[in-house]
Amino acid sequence: MILYNITINVTPDIEEDFLSWMKSTHIPEVLETGIFHEHKFFRLLHDSEDGSTNYCIQYFTDSMEQMMEYEKKHASILRAKTQERYRDKAVAFRTLLETI
């Protein structure tokens, strides 16, 4: 199993909109690709000096081939929507993990 993990640093002024949009629009669009069979959405529990909050979205897929298909066919379009909406107020860091 492959875990696609996205950690996003969100500024306080967009946080409410960000949470709403992720839950109602972005996460459903990612799941509609058919690549991922499960997701989890977390808030990191730590204080930041600048008042920002970090969120973590985890998507689960069965193989690296499926993950590569997501990257080729869907990722750039979905990332662009988030970037266009939030610019530098929601900065993402992505990692891939494999179950061992």
Protein backbone atom coordinates (compact mmCIF):
# COMPACT_ATOMS: atom_id res chain seq x y z
CA MET A 1 0.00 0.00 0.00
CA ILE A 2 1.12 3.54 -0.81
CA LEU A 3 0.37 6.52 1.41
CA TYR A 4 0.38 9.92 -0.26
CA ASN A 5 0.82 12.48 2.51
CA ILE A 6 0.33 16.21 2.03
CA THR A 7 1.17 18.54 4.90
CA ILE A 8 -0.08 22.09 4.43
CA ASN A 9 0.85 25.17 6.43
CA VAL A 10 -2.20 27.46 6.52
CA THR A 11 -2.29 31.12 7.57
CA PRO A 12 -5.01 32.12 10.09
CA ASP A 13 -6.83 34.46 7.70
CA ILE A 14 -7.83 31.64 5.33
CA GLU A 15 -8.11 28.75 7.78
CA GLU A 16 -11.91 28.57 7.98
CA ASP A 17 -12.31 28.79 4.20
CA PHE A 18 -9.49 26.30 3.68
CA LEU A 19 -11.10 23.67 5.91
CA SER A 20 -14.49 24.11 4.29
CA TRP A 21 -13.10 23.99 0.75
CA MET A 22 -10.92 20.96 1.43
CA LYS A 23 -13.82 18.99 2.89
CA SER A 24 -16.48 20.01 0.38
CA THR A 25 -14.49 20.38 -2.85
CA HIS A 26 -10.82 19.43 -3.00
CA ILE A 27 -10.76 16.09 -1.16
CA PRO A 28 -13.88 14.85 -3.02
CA GLU A 29 -12.23 15.81 -6.34
CA VAL A 30 -9.09 13.86 -5.44
CA LEU A 31 -11.18 10.83 -4.47
CA GLU A 32 -13.25 11.10 -7.67
CA THR A 33 -10.10 10.25 -9.67
CA GLY A 34 -10.61 6.64 -8.54
CA ILE A 35 -6.94 6.32 -7.59
CA PHE A 36 -7.37 6.45 -3.82
CA HIS A 37 -9.66 4.22 -1.76
CA GLU A 38 -9.37 6.03 1.57
CA HIS A 39 -8.30 9.32 3.07
CA LYS A 40 -7.70 10.88 6.50
CA PHE A 41 -7.55 14.56 7.42
CA PHE A 42 -5.59 15.74 10.48
CA ARG A 43 -4.60 18.92 12.26
CA LEU A 44 -1.06 18.82 13.68
CA LEU A 45 -1.01 19.52 17.40
CA HIS A 46 1.72 22.07 17.95
CA ASP A 47 2.00 25.80 18.42
CA SER A 48 3.59 27.95 15.76
CA GLU A 49 5.17 31.33 16.34
CA ASP A 50 3.41 32.92 13.38
CA GLY A 51 -0.08 31.66 14.28
CA SER A 52 -0.32 29.33 11.28
CA THR A 53 -1.75 25.82 11.51
CA ASN A 54 -0.50 22.68 9.81
CA TYR A 55 -2.92 20.16 8.35
CA CYS A 56 -2.15 16.73 6.99
CA ILE A 57 -4.22 14.91 4.37
CA GLN A 58 -3.41 11.27 3.75
CA TYR A 59 -4.62 9.37 0.70
CA PHE A 60 -4.23 5.60 0.36
CA THR A 61 -3.76 3.66 -2.87
CA ASP A 62 -2.77 0.08 -3.63
CA SER A 63 0.31 0.54 -5.80
CA MET A 64 3.02 2.87 -7.00
CA GLU A 65 1.63 2.43 -10.53
CA GLN A 66 -1.67 3.93 -9.40
CA MET A 67 0.18 6.77 -7.70
CA MET A 68 2.12 7.49 -10.89
CA GLU A 69 -1.16 7.50 -12.81
CA TYR A 70 -2.48 10.14 -10.40
CA GLU A 71 0.66 12.22 -10.89
CA LYS A 72 0.42 12.01 -14.69
CA LYS A 73 -3.32 12.56 -15.14
CA HIS A 74 -4.64 14.52 -12.19
CA ALA A 75 -2.11 16.04 -9.78
CA SER A 76 -1.12 19.18 -11.68
CA ILE A 77 -4.74 20.23 -12.31
CA LEU A 78 -5.79 19.70 -8.70
CA ARG A 79 -2.69 21.38 -7.29
CA ALA A 80 -3.24 24.38 -9.56
CA LYS A 81 -6.75 24.87 -8.18
CA THR A 82 -5.42 25.00 -4.64
CA GLN A 83 -2.55 27.29 -5.63
CA GLU A 84 -4.87 29.64 -7.49
CA ARG A 85 -7.26 29.83 -4.54
CA TYR A 86 -4.73 30.29 -1.72
CA ARG A 87 -1.38 31.33 -3.26
CA ASP A 88 1.29 31.50 -0.55
CA LYS A 89 -1.25 31.31 2.30
CA ALA A 90 -1.37 27.49 2.06
CA VAL A 91 2.05 25.98 1.45
CA ALA A 92 2.19 22.22 0.85
CA PHE A 93 4.88 19.59 1.42
CA ARG A 94 4.29 16.15 -0.12
CA THR A 95 5.71 12.73 0.74
CA LEU A 96 5.11 9.17 -0.42
CA LEU A 97 5.30 6.28 2.02
CA GLU A 98 5.17 2.55 1.40
CA THR A 99 3.79 -0.06 3.80
CA ILE A 100 6.46 -2.56 4.84
